[in-house]
Amino acid sequence: RVDSGRITIDGTVLTDRGTDLNALRA
């Protein structure tokens, strides 16, 4: 988890709290 900043992968913001990280990791 980052301390600050923003990461977007293929339109999904993985640093947002509501992101499904398991789906993204797939």
PDB file of all heavy atoms in Angstrom:
ATOM      1  N   ARG A   1       0.840  -1.188   0.000  1.00  0.00           N
ATOM      2  CA  ARG A   1       0.000   0.000   0.000  1.00  0.00           C
ATOM      3  C   ARG A   1       0.878   1.241   0.000  1.00  0.00           C
ATOM      4  O   ARG A   1       1.844   1.333   0.766  1.00  0.00           O
ATOM      5  CB  ARG A   1      -0.894   0.014   1.237  1.00  0.00           C
ATOM      6  CG  ARG A   1      -2.098  -0.900   1.133  1.00  0.00           C
ATOM      7  CD  ARG A   1      -3.162  -0.264   0.287  1.00  0.00           C
ATOM      8  NE  ARG A   1      -4.452  -0.944   0.418  1.00  0.00           N
ATOM      9  CZ  ARG A   1      -5.528  -0.594  -0.258  1.00  0.00           C
ATOM     10  NH1 ARG A   1      -5.479   0.418  -1.103  1.00  0.00           N
ATOM     11  NH2 ARG A   1      -6.657  -1.251  -0.098  1.00  0.00           N
ATOM     12  N   VAL A   2       0.551   2.203  -0.829  1.00  0.00           N
ATOM     13  CA  VAL A   2       1.356   3.422  -0.880  1.00  0.00           C
ATOM     14  C   VAL A   2       0.991   4.338   0.280  1.00  0.00           C
ATOM     15  O   VAL A   2      -0.123   4.289   0.817  1.00  0.00           O
ATOM     16  CB  VAL A   2       1.169   4.153  -2.221  1.00  0.00           C
ATOM     17  CG1 VAL A   2       1.512   3.220  -3.379  1.00  0.00           C
ATOM     18  CG2 VAL A   2      -0.241   4.694  -2.374  1.00  0.00           C
ATOM     19  N   ASP A   3       1.945   5.172   0.687  1.00  0.00           N
ATOM     20  CA  ASP A   3       1.661   6.185   1.707  1.00  0.00           C
ATOM     21  C   ASP A   3       0.905   7.358   1.109  1.00  0.00           C
ATOM     22  O   ASP A   3       0.041   7.953   1.754  1.00  0.00           O
ATOM     23  CB  ASP A   3       2.975   6.684   2.324  1.00  0.00           C
ATOM     24  CG  ASP A   3       3.724   5.593   3.051  1.00  0.00           C
ATOM     25  OD1 ASP A   3       3.080   4.617   3.492  1.00  0.00           O
ATOM     26  OD2 ASP A   3       4.965   5.701   3.170  1.00  0.00           O
ATOM     27  N   SER A   4       1.263   7.704  -0.117  1.00  0.00           N
ATOM     28  CA  SER A   4       0.591   8.796  -0.825  1.00  0.00           C
ATOM     29  C   SER A   4       0.797   8.607  -2.312  1.00  0.00           C
ATOM     30  O   SER A   4       1.671   7.856  -2.746  1.00  0.00           O
ATOM     31  CB  SER A   4       1.144  10.153  -0.374  1.00  0.00           C
ATOM     32  OG  SER A   4       2.534  10.247  -0.658  1.00  0.00           O
ATOM     33  N   GLY A   5      -0.029   9.303  -3.088  1.00  0.00           N
ATOM     34  CA  GLY A   5       0.056   9.185  -4.531  1.00  0.00           C
ATOM     35  C   GLY A   5      -1.078   8.346  -5.090  1.00  0.00           C
ATOM     36  O   GLY A   5      -1.962   7.880  -4.357  1.00  0.00           O
ATOM     37  N   ARG A   6      -1.034   8.119  -6.380  1.00  0.00           N
ATOM     38  CA  ARG A   6      -2.144   7.475  -7.095  1.00  0.00           C
ATOM     39  C   ARG A   6      -1.578   6.547  -8.173  1.00  0.00           C
ATOM     40  O   ARG A   6      -0.642   6.916  -8.884  1.00  0.00           O
ATOM     41  CB  ARG A   6      -3.016   8.568  -7.717  1.00  0.00           C
ATOM     42  CG  ARG A   6      -4.179   8.108  -8.583  1.00  0.00           C
ATOM     43  CD  ARG A   6      -4.835   9.348  -9.167  1.00  0.00           C
ATOM     44  NE  ARG A   6      -5.842   9.048 -10.178  1.00  0.00           N
ATOM     45  CZ  ARG A   6      -7.159   9.082  -9.958  1.00  0.00           C
ATOM     46  NH1 ARG A   6      -7.614   9.404  -8.760  1.00  0.00           N
ATOM     47  NH2 ARG A   6      -8.009   8.812 -10.930  1.00  0.00           N
ATOM     48  N   ILE A   7      -2.149   5.351  -8.285  1.00  0.00           N
ATOM     49  CA  ILE A   7      -1.747   4.389  -9.311  1.00  0.00           C
ATOM     50  C   ILE A   7      -3.001   3.930 -10.050  1.00  0.00           C
ATOM     51  O   ILE A   7      -3.972   3.487  -9.430  1.00  0.00           O
ATOM     52  CB  ILE A   7      -1.027   3.173  -8.711  1.00  0.00           C
ATOM     53  CG1 ILE A   7       0.238   3.608  -7.969  1.00  0.00           C
ATOM     54  CG2 ILE A   7      -0.667   2.161  -9.806  1.00  0.00           C
ATOM     55  CD1 ILE A   7       0.954   2.478  -7.265  1.00  0.00           C
ATOM     56  N   THR A   8      -2.958   4.050 -11.373  1.00  0.00           N
ATOM     57  CA  THR A   8      -4.073   3.633 -12.216  1.00  0.00           C
ATOM     58  C   THR A   8      -3.585   2.557 -13.180  1.00  0.00           C
ATOM     59  O   THR A   8      -2.587   2.751 -13.874  1.00  0.00           O
ATOM     60  CB  THR A   8      -4.640   4.826 -13.006  1.00  0.00           C
ATOM     61  OG1 THR A   8      -4.994   5.877 -12.109  1.00  0.00           O
ATOM     62  CG2 THR A   8      -5.859   4.417 -13.804  1.00  0.00           C
ATOM     63  N   ILE A   9      -4.275   1.425 -13.210  1.00  0.00           N
ATOM     64  CA  ILE A   9      -3.951   0.322 -14.112  1.00  0.00           C
ATOM     65  C   ILE A   9      -5.151   0.069 -15.017  1.00  0.00           C
ATOM     66  O   ILE A   9      -6.214  -0.325 -14.541  1.00  0.00           O
ATOM     67  CB  ILE A   9      -3.594  -0.972 -13.348  1.00  0.00           C
ATOM     68  CG1 ILE A   9      -2.461  -0.732 -12.337  1.00  0.00           C
ATOM     69  CG2 ILE A   9      -3.218  -2.079 -14.341  1.00  0.00           C
ATOM     70  CD1 ILE A   9      -1.114  -0.446 -12.943  1.00  0.00           C
ATOM     71  N   ASP A  10      -4.989   0.305 -16.305  1.00  0.00           N
ATOM     72  CA  ASP A  10      -6.036   0.045 -17.292  1.00  0.00           C
ATOM     73  C   ASP A  10      -7.364   0.664 -16.865  1.00  0.00           C
ATOM     74  O   ASP A  10      -8.421   0.038 -16.973  1.00  0.00           O
ATOM     75  CB  ASP A  10      -6.187  -1.465 -17.512  1.00  0.00           C
ATOM     76  CG  ASP A  10      -6.884  -1.789 -18.833  1.00  0.00           C
ATOM     77  OD1 ASP A  10      -6.867  -0.946 -19.741  1.00  0.00           O
ATOM     78  OD2 ASP A  10      -7.445  -2.898 -18.948  1.00  0.00           O
ATOM     79  N   GLY A  11      -7.292   1.888 -16.386  1.00  0.00           N
ATOM     80  CA  GLY A  11      -8.493   2.623 -16.012  1.00  0.00           C
ATOM     81  C   GLY A  11      -8.969   2.416 -14.590  1.00  0.00           C
ATOM     82  O   GLY A  11      -9.868   3.134 -14.133  1.00  0.00           O
ATOM     83  N   THR A  12      -8.398   1.449 -13.875  1.00  0.00           N
ATOM     84  CA  THR A  12      -8.793   1.182 -12.488  1.00  0.00           C
ATOM     85  C   THR A  12      -7.793   1.838 -11.540  1.00  0.00           C
ATOM     86  O   THR A  12      -6.589   1.608 -11.651  1.00  0.00           O
ATOM     87  CB  THR A  12      -8.836  -0.326 -12.200  1.00  0.00           C
ATOM     88  OG1 THR A  12      -9.806  -0.930 -13.046  1.00  0.00           O
ATOM     89  CG2 THR A  12      -9.201  -0.589 -10.748  1.00  0.00           C
ATOM     90  N   VAL A  13      -8.286   2.641 -10.610  1.00  0.00           N
ATOM     91  CA  VAL A  13      -7.418   3.300  -9.636  1.00  0.00           C
ATOM     92  C   VAL A  13      -7.218   2.346  -8.467  1.00  0.00           C
ATOM     93  O   VAL A  13      -8.089   2.199  -7.606  1.00  0.00           O
ATOM     94  CB  VAL A  13      -8.023   4.633  -9.165  1.00  0.00           C
ATOM     95  CG1 VAL A  13      -7.067   5.331  -8.184  1.00  0.00           C
ATOM     96  CG2 VAL A  13      -8.313   5.536 -10.357  1.00  0.00           C
ATOM     97  N   LEU A  14      -6.070   1.696  -8.441  1.00  0.00           N
ATOM     98  CA  LEU A  14      -5.873   0.661  -7.419  1.00  0.00           C
ATOM     99  C   LEU A  14      -5.612   1.251  -6.041  1.00  0.00           C
ATOM    100  O   LEU A  14      -5.717   0.543  -5.038  1.00  0.00           O
ATOM    101  CB  LEU A  14      -4.770  -0.317  -7.830  1.00  0.00           C
ATOM    102  CG  LEU A  14      -3.312   0.132  -7.912  1.00  0.00           C
ATOM    103  CD1 LEU A  14      -2.640   0.126  -6.547  1.00  0.00           C
ATOM    104  CD2 LEU A  14      -2.544  -0.787  -8.839  1.00  0.00           C
ATOM    105  N   THR A  15      -5.271   2.535  -5.986  1.00  0.00           N
ATOM    106  CA  THR A  15      -5.040   3.167  -4.686  1.00  0.00           C
ATOM    107  C   THR A  15      -6.335   3.642  -4.036  1.00  0.00           C
ATOM    108  O   THR A  15      -6.317   4.096  -2.894  1.00  0.00           O
ATOM    109  CB  THR A  15      -4.068   4.351  -4.844  1.00  0.00           C
ATOM    110  OG1 THR A  15      -4.433   5.136  -5.995  1.00  0.00           O
ATOM    111  CG2 THR A  15      -2.652   3.852  -5.027  1.00  0.00           C
ATOM    112  N   ASP A  16      -7.483   3.550  -4.726  1.00  0.00           N
ATOM    113  CA  ASP A  16      -8.752   3.893  -4.108  1.00  0.00           C
ATOM    114  C   ASP A  16      -9.168   2.792  -3.128  1.00  0.00           C
ATOM    115  O   ASP A  16      -8.993   1.603  -3.407  1.00  0.00           O
ATOM    116  CB  ASP A  16      -9.847   4.042  -5.172  1.00  0.00           C
ATOM    117  CG  ASP A  16      -9.756   5.367  -5.917  1.00  0.00           C
ATOM    118  OD1 ASP A  16      -8.895   6.192  -5.539  1.00  0.00           O
ATOM    119  OD2 ASP A  16     -10.519   5.554  -6.879  1.00  0.00           O
ATOM    120  N   ARG A  17      -9.730   3.167  -2.031  1.00  0.00           N
ATOM    121  CA  ARG A  17     -10.099   2.214  -0.986  1.00  0.00           C
ATOM    122  C   ARG A  17     -11.140   1.200  -1.456  1.00  0.00           C
ATOM    123  O   ARG A  17     -11.170   0.076  -0.985  1.00  0.00           O
ATOM    124  CB  ARG A  17     -10.626   2.962   0.241  1.00  0.00           C
ATOM    125  CG  ARG A  17      -9.548   3.723   1.009  1.00  0.00           C
ATOM    126  CD  ARG A  17      -8.557   2.761   1.633  1.00  0.00           C
ATOM    127  NE  ARG A  17      -7.489   3.465   2.339  1.00  0.00           N
ATOM    128  CZ  ARG A  17      -6.459   2.869   2.908  1.00  0.00           C
ATOM    129  NH1 ARG A  17      -6.352   1.549   2.843  1.00  0.00           N
ATOM    130  NH2 ARG A  17      -5.537   3.564   3.532  1.00  0.00           N
ATOM    131  N   GLY A  18     -11.989   1.587  -2.373  1.00  0.00           N
ATOM    132  CA  GLY A  18     -13.049   0.698  -2.793  1.00  0.00           C
ATOM    133  C   GLY A  18     -12.676  -0.268  -3.906  1.00  0.00           C
ATOM    134  O   GLY A  18     -13.509  -1.084  -4.321  1.00  0.00           O
ATOM    135  N   THR A  19     -11.440  -0.224  -4.385  1.00  0.00           N
ATOM    136  CA  THR A  19     -11.029  -1.076  -5.498  1.00  0.00           C
ATOM    137  C   THR A  19     -10.928  -2.537  -5.056  1.00  0.00           C
ATOM    138  O   THR A  19     -10.391  -2.836  -3.987  1.00  0.00           O
ATOM    139  CB  THR A  19      -9.662  -0.607  -6.049  1.00  0.00           C
ATOM    140  OG1 THR A  19      -9.814   0.722  -6.567  1.00  0.00           O
ATOM    141  CG2 THR A  19      -9.192  -1.528  -7.166  1.00  0.00           C
ATOM    142  N   ASP A  20     -11.448  -3.426  -5.880  1.00  0.00           N
ATOM    143  CA  ASP A  20     -11.344  -4.865  -5.633  1.00  0.00           C
ATOM    144  C   ASP A  20      -9.925  -5.296  -6.019  1.00  0.00           C
ATOM    145  O   ASP A  20      -9.626  -5.526  -7.189  1.00  0.00           O
ATOM    146  CB  ASP A  20     -12.381  -5.615  -6.473  1.00  0.00           C
ATOM    147  CG  ASP A  20     -12.382  -7.120  -6.201  1.00  0.00           C
ATOM    148  OD1 ASP A  20     -11.404  -7.633  -5.632  1.00  0.00           O
ATOM    149  OD2 ASP A  20     -13.367  -7.785  -6.595  1.00  0.00           O
ATOM    150  N   LEU A  21      -9.057  -5.409  -5.036  1.00  0.00           N
ATOM    151  CA  LEU A  21      -7.649  -5.686  -5.308  1.00  0.00           C
ATOM    152  C   LEU A  21      -7.433  -7.091  -5.846  1.00  0.00           C
ATOM    153  O   LEU A  21      -6.526  -7.319  -6.654  1.00  0.00           O
ATOM    154  CB  LEU A  21      -6.808  -5.460  -4.045  1.00  0.00           C
ATOM    155  CG  LEU A  21      -6.788  -4.016  -3.534  1.00  0.00           C
ATOM    156  CD1 LEU A  21      -5.874  -3.907  -2.317  1.00  0.00           C
ATOM    157  CD2 LEU A  21      -6.334  -3.050  -4.627  1.00  0.00           C
ATOM    158  N   ASN A  22      -8.223  -8.042  -5.418  1.00  0.00           N
ATOM    159  CA  ASN A  22      -8.075  -9.403  -5.936  1.00  0.00           C
ATOM    160  C   ASN A  22      -8.384  -9.453  -7.430  1.00  0.00           C
ATOM    161  O   ASN A  22      -7.687 -10.122  -8.202  1.00  0.00           O
ATOM    162  CB  ASN A  22      -8.979 -10.370  -5.179  1.00  0.00           C
ATOM    163  CG  ASN A  22      -8.464 -10.659  -3.783  1.00  0.00           C
ATOM    164  OD1 ASN A  22      -7.266 -10.630  -3.543  1.00  0.00           O
ATOM    165  ND2 ASN A  22      -9.377 -10.907  -2.865  1.00  0.00           N
ATOM    166  N   ALA A  23      -9.430  -8.743  -7.842  1.00  0.00           N
ATOM    167  CA  ALA A  23      -9.773  -8.691  -9.263  1.00  0.00           C
ATOM    168  C   ALA A  23      -8.674  -7.995 -10.046  1.00  0.00           C
ATOM    169  O   ALA A  23      -8.312  -8.422 -11.158  1.00  0.00           O
ATOM    170  CB  ALA A  23     -11.110  -7.978  -9.455  1.00  0.00           C
ATOM    171  N   LEU A  24      -8.110  -6.942  -9.471  1.00  0.00           N
ATOM    172  CA  LEU A  24      -7.052  -6.227 -10.166  1.00  0.00           C
ATOM    173  C   LEU A  24      -5.791  -7.080 -10.285  1.00  0.00           C
ATOM    174  O   LEU A  24      -5.151  -7.116 -11.339  1.00  0.00           O
ATOM    175  CB  LEU A  24      -6.723  -4.920  -9.443  1.00  0.00           C
ATOM    176  CG  LEU A  24      -5.648  -4.088 -10.145  1.00  0.00           C
ATOM    177  CD1 LEU A  24      -6.069  -2.641 -10.251  1.00  0.00           C
ATOM    178  CD2 LEU A  24      -4.302  -4.189  -9.422  1.00  0.00           C
ATOM    179  N   ARG A  25      -5.438  -7.788  -9.208  1.00  0.00           N
ATOM    180  CA  ARG A  25      -4.230  -8.622  -9.241  1.00  0.00           C
ATOM    181  C   ARG A  25      -4.347  -9.730 -10.290  1.00  0.00           C
ATOM    182  O   ARG A  25      -3.336 -10.182 -10.816  1.00  0.00           O
ATOM    183  CB  ARG A  25      -3.962  -9.220  -7.863  1.00  0.00           C
ATOM    184  CG  ARG A  25      -3.512  -8.201  -6.829  1.00  0.00           C
ATOM    185  CD  ARG A  25      -3.092  -8.861  -5.530  1.00  0.00           C
ATOM    186  NE  ARG A  25      -2.805  -7.876  -4.509  1.00  0.00           N
ATOM    187  CZ  ARG A  25      -3.515  -7.718  -3.397  1.00  0.00           C
ATOM    188  NH1 ARG A  25      -4.560  -8.494  -3.167  1.00  0.00           N
ATOM    189  NH2 ARG A  25      -3.188  -6.791  -2.510  1.00  0.00           N
ATOM    190  N   ALA A  26      -5.566 -10.160 -10.577  1.00  0.00           N
ATOM    191  CA  ALA A  26      -5.748 -11.176 -11.606  1.00  0.00           C
ATOM    192  C   ALA A  26      -5.369 -10.638 -12.973  1.00  0.00           C
ATOM    193  O   ALA A  26      -5.027 -11.407 -13.879  1.00  0.00           O
ATOM    194  CB  ALA A  26      -7.202 -11.653 -11.612  1.00  0.00           C
TER     195      ALA A  26
END
